[in-house]
């Protein structure tokens, strides 16, 4: 019986002297044969402009330019649900942008395709007019569709997200030192384009609606931030001030932990609102919240099944990534049910990492079942008559709360951690008058996000050729 690890091909069938078995996966060739009944299967190269106009890696930037400004420098982890994530990790100055903009030719409706990494290779996003100006890393391809190809960029975006394409991506990515690369082999990917024009039109319209919903999400997240009514800009004195020894906490001598500007800003917010701020620890002591951390299942458990194992990089822009990097078996999920499992309306918050510390998300029904890692805190509301999960998510993303989280993350070995200091973070008390505005805005955001996930699944399934019957005993084709 022929399997993905046991098959024979002739020497003349070898491509560029490649001797890696997965590149010639016989199951894919059978899938392609079956797909031709309802799909056209052009090579990606045939849909793009010629040469570097159609597909090009972008720019390498020296690290000293990171953090010098607010113009996005998009890297592999900044592509999320077909969009560039708004909380991108690195920004550069206008001067740096002007220096590299000619080499980084990116425009609206270009598709970004991750070229280097491991699990992220093949992730895609589309550039919108509001995303420009930006620079893009040399680990990401910029793809530009030929105007006469007859394929809308939105249609190609959905096609590149199918399991049919992702399996080809995995077959074409080879190890190069410590990371994988796909090289120029992505141009040979066969892209599934439905023969039915009505299906193509439906997918294009669905993707258009998804992008509109993304914009609506950003508007409502901005509304949540504005409800904090925090005072003006920081005075910048947090690194030059006096403090009495008796006021030190747990012998902490890190200046930012005692940032006087932040303390003054919280006091001013309390005065403006007329309501006190309370610590997360106090809410836990009062039984309003249950706070716990996740579990570590071990690397040997990765890839054993389809149940998501949520890690810190899977918490993005208030939600869990639709296609998490790692999956575990049902047996492992059952073993850790309770301490490591999630429920609808749990709020998860990243406590270990660097730039991701403080990122939070609300668990939706479509995210389950799932386990979560030890670098994440789970905040479960126990008294919903006092505090709603939606309000809690909004509070954790208020600018003054995010500033506190930054001040309380300390370096531990090679990463930062919040540790137990999360319990010291102060948020507006549940009875605050402004929280109804927060709840309404967060509920609108989560409704939009739920619709985005559903529409993405529907759009991809319309573009998805059926996999061939399994003869290898392997589970069905997965996104990863």
Protein backbone atom coordinates (compact mmCIF):
# COMPACT_ATOMS: atom_id res chain seq x y z
CA UNK A 1 0.00 0.00 0.00
CA UNK A 2 1.38 3.40 -0.97
CA UNK A 3 1.68 5.94 1.84
CA UNK A 4 3.27 9.36 2.30
CA UNK A 5 6.43 7.61 3.59
CA UNK A 6 6.49 4.56 1.32
CA UNK A 7 6.16 5.13 -2.41
CA UNK A 8 8.18 4.90 -5.59
CA UNK A 9 8.87 7.54 -8.25
CA UNK A 10 11.05 7.44 -11.33
CA UNK A 11 14.31 9.35 -11.50
CA UNK A 12 12.90 11.52 -14.28
CA UNK A 13 10.14 12.68 -11.93
CA UNK A 14 12.64 14.30 -9.56
CA UNK A 15 12.50 18.11 -9.44
CA UNK A 16 15.70 20.12 -9.01
CA UNK A 17 17.39 17.03 -7.53
CA UNK A 18 15.12 17.19 -4.47
CA UNK A 19 15.26 13.85 -2.57
CA UNK A 20 12.93 14.77 0.31
CA UNK A 21 9.93 12.35 0.26
CA UNK A 22 7.29 14.81 1.47
CA UNK A 23 7.87 16.97 -1.62
CA UNK A 24 6.38 14.18 -3.77
CA UNK A 25 3.47 13.30 -1.45
CA UNK A 26 1.34 10.84 -3.49
CA UNK A 27 -1.80 11.69 -1.50
CA UNK A 28 -1.64 15.23 -2.81
CA UNK A 29 -1.42 14.10 -6.43
CA UNK A 30 -4.56 12.03 -5.92
CA UNK A 31 -6.27 15.04 -4.32
CA UNK A 32 -5.33 17.22 -7.29
CA UNK A 33 -6.73 14.64 -9.71
CA UNK A 34 -10.05 14.61 -7.87
CA UNK A 35 -10.12 18.40 -7.52
CA UNK A 36 -10.02 19.03 -11.27
CA UNK A 37 -13.65 18.01 -11.51
CA UNK A 38 -14.77 21.30 -9.90
CA UNK A 39 -11.63 23.44 -9.70
CA UNK A 40 -9.06 24.96 -11.94
CA UNK A 41 -5.56 24.41 -10.53
CA UNK A 42 -3.22 27.10 -11.93
CA UNK A 43 0.25 27.41 -10.48
CA UNK A 44 0.64 30.43 -8.22
CA UNK A 45 3.26 31.84 -10.56
CA UNK A 46 0.65 31.99 -13.36
CA UNK A 47 -1.57 34.31 -11.28
CA UNK A 48 1.13 36.83 -10.37
CA UNK A 49 2.93 39.57 -12.24
CA UNK A 50 6.25 38.37 -13.72
CA UNK A 51 9.46 38.21 -11.69
CA UNK A 52 9.94 40.41 -8.64
CA UNK A 53 6.89 42.46 -9.58
CA UNK A 54 4.72 39.49 -8.69
CA UNK A 55 6.66 37.88 -5.84
CA UNK A 56 9.48 39.39 -3.80
CA UNK A 57 10.95 39.17 -0.35
CA UNK A 58 11.02 42.50 1.40
CA UNK A 59 13.67 44.27 3.50
CA UNK A 60 16.05 43.42 6.33
CA UNK A 61 16.29 46.15 8.96
CA UNK A 62 19.06 46.53 11.56
CA UNK A 63 17.74 45.98 15.08
CA UNK A 64 18.73 49.46 16.20
CA UNK A 65 15.85 50.80 14.09
CA UNK A 66 13.26 48.78 16.03
CA UNK A 67 11.11 50.92 18.27
CA UNK A 68 12.24 54.23 16.79
CA UNK A 69 8.78 55.25 15.58
CA UNK A 70 5.18 54.30 14.86
CA UNK A 71 5.39 53.13 11.23
CA UNK A 72 4.74 49.36 11.23
CA UNK A 73 7.56 46.95 10.44
CA UNK A 74 5.63 43.79 9.67
CA UNK A 75 7.19 40.46 10.62
CA UNK A 76 5.98 36.87 10.31
CA UNK A 77 3.95 36.88 13.55
CA UNK A 78 2.13 40.09 12.59
CA UNK A 79 -0.22 38.39 10.08
CA UNK A 80 -3.51 37.49 11.73
CA UNK A 81 -6.85 36.35 10.32
CA UNK A 82 -6.03 37.74 6.84
CA UNK A 83 -5.07 41.14 8.24
CA UNK A 84 -2.01 42.86 9.61
CA UNK A 85 -2.45 42.76 13.38
CA UNK A 86 -2.98 46.26 14.82
CA UNK A 87 -0.73 45.57 17.82
CA UNK A 88 2.31 44.91 15.62
CA UNK A 89 5.47 44.37 17.66
CA UNK A 90 7.95 46.67 15.93
CA UNK A 91 7.66 50.24 14.69
CA UNK A 92 10.22 52.40 12.89
CA UNK A 93 10.75 56.11 12.38
CA UNK A 94 9.78 58.18 9.35
CA UNK A 95 13.49 58.51 8.51
CA UNK A 96 13.92 54.72 8.49
CA UNK A 97 10.83 54.36 6.35
CA UNK A 98 12.13 56.86 3.80
CA UNK A 99 15.45 55.02 3.67
CA UNK A 100 13.89 51.62 2.86
CA UNK A 101 10.57 52.42 1.18
CA UNK A 102 11.87 52.02 -2.39
CA UNK A 103 13.13 48.52 -1.63
CA UNK A 104 9.87 47.61 0.10
CA UNK A 105 7.31 47.96 -2.66
CA UNK A 106 4.00 47.24 -0.90
CA UNK A 107 0.59 48.60 -1.91
CA UNK A 108 -3.10 48.05 -1.16
CA UNK A 109 -4.43 44.62 -2.26
CA UNK A 110 -0.97 43.03 -2.15
CA UNK A 111 -0.92 39.69 -0.35
CA UNK A 112 1.71 38.99 2.31
CA UNK A 113 2.86 35.36 2.53
CA UNK A 114 5.17 34.08 5.29
CA UNK A 115 8.33 32.62 3.70
CA UNK A 116 10.57 31.70 6.65
CA UNK A 117 9.91 30.12 10.04
CA UNK A 118 8.19 26.85 10.86
CA UNK A 119 4.46 26.66 11.55
CA UNK A 120 3.83 30.19 10.29
CA UNK A 121 5.10 29.54 6.76
CA UNK A 122 2.21 30.03 4.36
CA UNK A 123 0.19 32.33 6.64
CA UNK A 124 -1.32 35.12 4.57
CA UNK A 125 -2.79 38.60 4.96
CA UNK A 126 -3.93 41.31 2.60
CA UNK A 127 -2.71 44.89 2.71
CA UNK A 128 -5.43 47.51 3.02
CA UNK A 129 -5.12 51.18 2.06
CA UNK A 130 -5.22 52.18 5.74
CA UNK A 131 -2.21 49.92 6.49
CA UNK A 132 0.13 52.01 4.34
CA UNK A 133 2.80 53.31 5.00
CA UNK A 134 4.58 50.23 6.31
CA UNK A 135 7.72 48.16 5.86
CA UNK A 136 7.74 44.37 5.59
CA UNK A 137 10.39 41.92 6.79
CA UNK A 138 12.57 39.90 4.43
CA UNK A 139 10.96 36.76 5.91
CA UNK A 140 7.70 37.62 4.12
CA UNK A 141 6.85 37.47 0.41
CA UNK A 142 4.85 40.27 -1.18
CA UNK A 143 2.54 38.76 -3.82
CA UNK A 144 0.87 40.92 -6.48
CA UNK A 145 -1.89 39.48 -8.70
CA UNK A 146 -1.81 40.06 -12.46
CA UNK A 147 -4.72 42.34 -13.44
CA UNK A 148 -5.55 40.04 -16.39
CA UNK A 149 -5.35 36.80 -14.34
CA UNK A 150 -9.12 36.76 -13.80
CA UNK A 151 -8.60 36.08 -10.09
CA UNK A 152 -9.48 38.72 -7.49
CA UNK A 153 -6.87 39.17 -4.70
CA UNK A 154 -9.59 38.32 -2.16
CA UNK A 155 -10.22 35.02 -3.94
CA UNK A 156 -6.51 34.18 -3.94
CA UNK A 157 -6.32 35.09 -0.23
CA UNK A 158 -8.98 32.47 0.59
CA UNK A 159 -7.46 29.88 -1.76
CA UNK A 160 -4.05 30.19 -0.10
CA UNK A 161 -5.68 29.42 3.26
CA UNK A 162 -7.13 26.06 2.21
CA UNK A 163 -5.81 22.75 3.52
CA UNK A 164 -5.17 21.86 -0.12
CA UNK A 165 -2.60 24.68 -0.37
CA UNK A 166 -1.28 24.40 3.18
CA UNK A 167 -0.37 20.76 2.56
CA UNK A 168 1.65 21.84 -0.47
CA UNK A 169 3.34 24.54 1.60
CA UNK A 170 4.41 21.98 4.20
CA UNK A 171 5.77 19.73 1.45
CA UNK A 172 7.83 22.60 0.03
CA UNK A 173 9.34 24.05 3.20
CA UNK A 174 12.77 22.62 3.99
CA UNK A 175 15.02 23.14 7.01
CA UNK A 176 17.68 25.83 6.58
CA UNK A 177 19.89 26.00 9.66
CA UNK A 178 17.55 26.74 12.59
CA UNK A 179 14.41 27.66 10.62
CA UNK A 180 12.48 26.38 7.62
CA UNK A 181 12.31 28.15 4.28
CA UNK A 182 10.10 27.67 1.25
CA UNK A 183 12.40 29.55 -1.13
CA UNK A 184 10.92 30.11 -4.57
CA UNK A 185 9.09 26.77 -4.38
CA UNK A 186 5.89 28.59 -3.43
CA UNK A 187 5.51 29.63 -7.08
CA UNK A 188 4.80 26.02 -8.03
CA UNK A 189 1.86 25.66 -5.64
CA UNK A 190 -1.36 24.64 -7.39
CA UNK A 191 -4.08 27.06 -6.33
CA UNK A 192 -7.71 25.84 -6.21
CA UNK A 193 -9.98 28.24 -8.13
CA UNK A 194 -13.66 27.18 -8.32
CA UNK A 195 -14.90 26.67 -11.87
CA UNK A 196 -18.31 28.02 -10.83
CA UNK A 197 -18.34 31.82 -11.25
CA UNK A 198 -21.09 32.21 -8.65
CA UNK A 199 -18.92 30.50 -6.02
CA UNK A 200 -16.01 32.79 -6.87
CA UNK A 201 -18.24 35.85 -6.52
CA UNK A 202 -19.62 34.62 -3.19
CA UNK A 203 -16.13 34.13 -1.76
CA UNK A 204 -14.97 37.58 -2.90
CA UNK A 205 -17.99 39.23 -1.29
CA UNK A 206 -17.52 37.23 1.93
CA UNK A 207 -13.85 38.25 2.20
CA UNK A 208 -14.82 41.86 1.55
CA UNK A 209 -17.28 41.67 4.45
CA UNK A 210 -14.61 40.11 6.70
CA UNK A 211 -12.29 43.05 6.03
CA UNK A 212 -15.12 45.50 6.79
CA UNK A 213 -15.71 43.70 10.09
CA UNK A 214 -12.02 43.99 10.94
CA UNK A 215 -12.31 47.77 10.50
CA UNK A 216 -15.42 47.84 12.70
CA UNK A 217 -13.54 45.92 15.39
CA UNK A 218 -10.76 48.51 15.41
CA UNK A 219 -13.30 51.33 15.83
CA UNK A 220 -14.92 49.69 18.86
CA UNK A 221 -11.59 48.81 20.46
CA UNK A 222 -10.66 52.49 20.17
CA UNK A 223 -13.93 53.38 21.92
CA UNK A 224 -12.98 51.13 24.84
CA UNK A 225 -9.62 52.88 25.20
CA UNK A 226 -11.28 56.29 25.17
CA UNK A 227 -13.58 55.43 28.09
CA UNK A 228 -10.61 55.53 30.48
CA UNK A 229 -10.37 59.32 30.10
CA UNK A 230 -6.78 59.18 31.29
CA UNK A 231 -4.94 62.47 31.75
CA UNK A 232 -2.37 63.92 29.35
CA UNK A 233 1.00 62.58 28.29
CA UNK A 234 3.49 61.09 30.72
CA UNK A 235 5.92 63.53 32.28
CA UNK A 236 8.78 61.09 31.86
CA UNK A 237 9.99 61.32 35.49
CA UNK A 238 9.66 57.62 36.29
CA UNK A 239 13.45 57.21 36.16
CA UNK A 240 14.34 60.12 38.44
CA UNK A 241 12.37 60.39 41.70
CA UNK A 242 12.65 59.76 45.42
CA UNK A 243 10.82 57.09 47.40
CA UNK A 244 10.88 56.26 51.09
CA UNK A 245 12.30 52.88 52.06
CA UNK A 246 9.14 52.11 54.02
CA UNK A 247 7.07 52.29 50.82
CA UNK A 248 9.11 49.69 48.92
CA UNK A 249 7.16 46.54 48.04
CA UNK A 250 8.81 43.12 48.46
CA UNK A 251 12.26 44.78 48.18
CA UNK A 252 11.60 45.66 44.53
CA UNK A 253 14.14 48.30 43.40
CA UNK A 254 13.09 48.62 39.75
CA UNK A 255 12.10 52.29 39.14
CA UNK A 256 9.30 51.67 36.64
CA UNK A 257 7.48 49.53 39.22
CA UNK A 258 6.85 52.74 41.19
CA UNK A 259 6.22 55.04 38.21
CA UNK A 260 4.89 58.23 39.91
CA UNK A 261 3.28 59.47 36.69
CA UNK A 262 1.21 56.29 36.52
CA UNK A 263 0.17 56.56 40.14
CA UNK A 264 -0.87 60.19 39.57
CA UNK A 265 -2.79 59.23 36.43
CA UNK A 266 -4.81 56.57 38.29
CA UNK A 267 -5.56 59.03 41.08
CA UNK A 268 -6.72 61.58 38.50
CA UNK A 269 -8.93 58.97 36.81
CA UNK A 270 -10.51 58.10 40.16
CA UNK A 271 -11.18 61.79 40.76
CA UNK A 272 -12.72 62.28 37.30
CA UNK A 273 -14.95 59.23 37.54
CA UNK A 274 -15.78 59.53 41.21
CA UNK A 275 -15.20 55.80 41.62
CA UNK A 276 -12.35 53.88 43.22
CA UNK A 277 -10.03 51.47 41.44
CA UNK A 278 -9.48 48.01 42.95
CA UNK A 279 -6.80 45.38 42.47
CA UNK A 280 -7.38 42.12 40.62
CA UNK A 281 -6.24 40.42 43.82
CA UNK A 282 -9.05 42.11 45.76
CA UNK A 283 -11.59 40.90 43.19
CA UNK A 284 -10.20 37.38 43.59
CA UNK A 285 -10.34 37.61 47.41
CA UNK A 286 -13.98 38.74 47.19
CA UNK A 287 -14.84 35.70 45.07
CA UNK A 288 -15.63 37.78 42.00
CA UNK A 289 -12.77 36.22 39.99
CA UNK A 290 -10.94 32.92 39.91
CA UNK A 291 -7.35 33.41 38.73
CA UNK A 292 -5.16 30.47 37.68
CA UNK A 293 -2.38 29.56 35.26
CA UNK A 294 -2.27 26.88 32.60
CA UNK A 295 -0.32 23.66 32.13
CA UNK A 296 2.72 22.46 30.23
CA UNK A 297 1.94 19.28 28.33
CA UNK A 298 5.49 18.80 27.01
CA UNK A 299 6.74 18.95 23.43
CA UNK A 300 6.11 15.24 22.89
CA UNK A 301 2.38 15.99 23.10
CA UNK A 302 2.52 18.55 20.28
CA UNK A 303 0.89 17.38 17.07
CA UNK A 304 -0.79 14.35 18.65
CA UNK A 305 -4.30 15.58 17.85
CA UNK A 306 -6.57 18.39 16.75
CA UNK A 307 -7.49 19.93 20.13
CA UNK A 308 -5.82 23.37 20.31
CA UNK A 309 -3.07 23.93 22.86
CA UNK A 310 -3.17 27.69 23.28
CA UNK A 311 0.22 29.34 23.69
CA UNK A 312 1.09 32.99 24.24
CA UNK A 313 1.45 33.74 20.51
CA UNK A 314 -2.13 32.51 19.94
CA UNK A 315 -3.61 35.42 21.96
CA UNK A 316 -4.04 38.25 19.49
CA UNK A 317 -6.20 41.37 19.45
CA UNK A 318 -8.72 40.17 22.08
CA UNK A 319 -9.24 36.69 20.60
CA UNK A 320 -7.65 33.28 20.19
CA UNK A 321 -6.06 32.53 16.86
CA UNK A 322 -8.40 30.47 14.66
CA UNK A 323 -5.58 28.14 13.63
CA UNK A 324 -3.36 27.61 16.71
CA UNK A 325 0.19 26.40 16.21
CA UNK A 326 -0.06 23.22 18.30
CA UNK A 327 -2.71 20.57 18.78
CA UNK A 328 -2.97 17.72 21.29
CA UNK A 329 -4.91 14.48 21.55
CA UNK A 330 -8.24 13.96 23.31
CA UNK A 331 -6.45 11.84 25.91
CA UNK A 332 -4.09 14.67 26.83
CA UNK A 333 -7.01 17.10 26.91
CA UNK A 334 -8.90 14.79 29.29
CA UNK A 335 -5.81 14.48 31.53
CA UNK A 336 -5.62 18.23 32.05
CA UNK A 337 -9.33 19.08 32.07
CA UNK A 338 -9.97 21.48 34.92
CA UNK A 339 -6.66 23.22 35.54
CA UNK A 340 -5.67 23.54 31.89
CA UNK A 341 -8.98 23.67 30.03
CA UNK A 342 -11.05 26.66 28.97
CA UNK A 343 -14.74 27.55 29.05
CA UNK A 344 -16.84 30.03 27.13
CA UNK A 345 -16.34 33.58 28.47
CA UNK A 346 -13.05 32.82 30.21
CA UNK A 347 -10.62 35.72 29.87
CA UNK A 348 -7.02 34.71 29.18
CA UNK A 349 -4.06 37.03 29.70
CA UNK A 350 -0.43 36.52 28.68
CA UNK A 351 1.86 36.67 31.71
CA UNK A 352 5.18 35.39 30.26
CA UNK A 353 7.04 36.65 27.18
CA UNK A 354 8.17 40.10 26.08
CA UNK A 355 5.96 42.22 23.84
CA UNK A 356 3.03 39.84 24.28
CA UNK A 357 2.80 40.25 28.06
CA UNK A 358 -0.58 41.78 28.92
CA UNK A 359 -2.31 40.64 25.72
CA UNK A 360 -5.74 39.26 26.52
CA UNK A 361 -8.67 37.52 24.86
CA UNK A 362 -12.20 36.32 25.51
CA UNK A 363 -12.87 32.64 24.84
CA UNK A 364 -15.72 32.03 22.40
CA UNK A 365 -17.73 28.86 21.84
CA UNK A 366 -15.94 28.16 18.54
CA UNK A 367 -12.57 28.18 20.35
CA UNK A 368 -13.42 25.05 22.35
CA UNK A 369 -12.32 22.51 23.39
CA UNK A 370 -8.83 23.79 24.20
CA UNK A 371 -5.99 23.65 26.71
CA UNK A 372 -3.82 26.65 27.58
CA UNK A 373 -0.15 26.87 28.55
CA UNK A 374 1.54 27.93 31.77
CA UNK A 375 2.56 31.30 30.33
CA UNK A 376 -1.11 32.35 30.33
CA UNK A 377 -3.40 33.32 33.21
CA UNK A 378 -7.06 32.35 33.12
CA UNK A 379 -9.45 34.84 34.72
CA UNK A 380 -12.88 33.27 35.20
CA UNK A 381 -15.72 35.48 36.46
CA UNK A 382 -17.49 33.71 39.34
CA UNK A 383 -20.03 36.45 40.17
CA UNK A 384 -21.55 37.71 36.92
CA UNK A 385 -24.03 39.87 38.81
CA UNK A 386 -21.01 41.90 39.94
CA UNK A 387 -18.73 41.79 36.87
CA UNK A 388 -19.27 40.51 33.33
CA UNK A 389 -16.50 38.80 31.29
CA UNK A 390 -16.92 41.42 28.56
CA UNK A 391 -16.33 44.25 31.01
CA UNK A 392 -13.31 42.42 32.46
CA UNK A 393 -11.75 42.13 28.99
CA UNK A 394 -12.38 45.83 28.39
CA UNK A 395 -10.84 46.80 31.74
CA UNK A 396 -7.68 44.81 31.04
CA UNK A 397 -7.23 46.79 27.83
CA UNK A 398 -7.69 50.29 29.21
CA UNK A 399 -4.50 52.33 28.60
CA UNK A 400 -3.87 52.86 32.32
CA UNK A 401 -4.23 49.13 32.99
CA UNK A 402 -1.90 48.19 30.13
CA UNK A 403 0.65 50.66 31.50
CA UNK A 404 0.49 48.94 34.88
CA UNK A 405 1.04 45.55 33.26
CA UNK A 406 4.16 46.89 31.52
CA UNK A 407 5.49 48.34 34.78
CA UNK A 408 5.03 45.04 36.60
CA UNK A 409 6.68 42.70 34.07
CA UNK A 410 10.23 41.83 35.12
CA UNK A 411 12.90 39.91 33.24
CA UNK A 412 13.31 36.28 34.30
CA UNK A 413 16.15 34.47 32.55
CA UNK A 414 15.53 35.19 28.85
CA UNK A 415 11.89 36.30 29.03
CA UNK A 416 9.74 38.68 31.03
CA UNK A 417 7.00 37.65 33.40
CA UNK A 418 4.20 39.28 35.39
CA UNK A 419 4.16 36.52 37.99
CA UNK A 420 1.99 37.14 41.02
CA UNK A 421 2.24 40.91 40.38
CA UNK A 422 -0.82 40.56 38.13
CA UNK A 423 -2.86 40.55 41.35
CA UNK A 424 -1.51 44.05 42.17
CA UNK A 425 -2.89 45.59 38.97
CA UNK A 426 -5.72 48.04 39.61
CA UNK A 427 -8.86 48.37 37.49
CA UNK A 428 -12.00 50.50 37.84
CA UNK A 429 -14.32 49.04 40.47
CA UNK A 430 -17.20 46.94 39.02
CA UNK A 431 -19.76 49.56 40.06
CA UNK A 432 -18.09 52.32 38.02
CA UNK A 433 -20.58 54.34 35.97
CA UNK A 434 -18.51 54.14 32.76
CA UNK A 435 -18.47 50.35 32.59
CA UNK A 436 -21.75 50.08 30.68
CA UNK A 437 -20.02 51.86 27.77
CA UNK A 438 -17.14 49.39 28.00
CA UNK A 439 -19.48 46.39 27.99
CA UNK A 440 -21.40 47.59 24.94
CA UNK A 441 -18.22 48.26 22.96
CA UNK A 442 -16.65 44.90 23.90
CA UNK A 443 -19.82 43.01 23.04
CA UNK A 444 -19.85 44.64 19.60
CA UNK A 445 -16.19 43.69 19.12
CA UNK A 446 -16.77 40.06 20.06
CA UNK A 447 -19.86 39.77 17.85
CA UNK A 448 -17.78 41.02 14.92
CA UNK A 449 -14.93 38.66 15.74
CA UNK A 450 -17.28 35.70 15.94
CA UNK A 451 -18.70 36.58 12.54
CA UNK A 452 -15.19 37.00 11.10
CA UNK A 453 -14.21 33.48 12.22
CA UNK A 454 -17.41 31.95 10.85
CA UNK A 455 -17.06 33.73 7.52
CA UNK A 456 -13.42 32.75 7.21
CA UNK A 457 -14.28 29.09 7.70
CA UNK A 458 -17.15 29.31 5.22
CA UNK A 459 -15.01 31.10 2.62
CA UNK A 460 -12.18 28.59 2.92
CA UNK A 461 -14.53 25.62 2.71
CA UNK A 462 -16.01 26.99 -0.53
CA UNK A 463 -12.47 27.03 -1.95
CA UNK A 464 -11.49 23.64 -0.52
CA UNK A 465 -11.18 20.56 -2.72
CA UNK A 466 -12.12 17.41 -0.83
CA UNK A 467 -9.12 15.39 0.40
CA UNK A 468 -8.66 11.89 -0.99
CA UNK A 469 -9.57 8.85 1.12
CA UNK A 470 -6.85 8.20 3.71
CA UNK A 471 -4.71 5.13 3.12
CA UNK A 472 -1.94 5.97 5.56
CA UNK A 473 -3.79 5.91 8.86
CA UNK A 474 -3.00 9.59 9.36
CA UNK A 475 -5.67 12.03 10.58
CA UNK A 476 -7.40 14.26 8.05
CA UNK A 477 -5.57 17.16 6.49
CA UNK A 478 -5.05 19.92 9.00
CA UNK A 479 -4.39 23.64 8.52
CA UNK A 480 -0.95 23.22 10.08
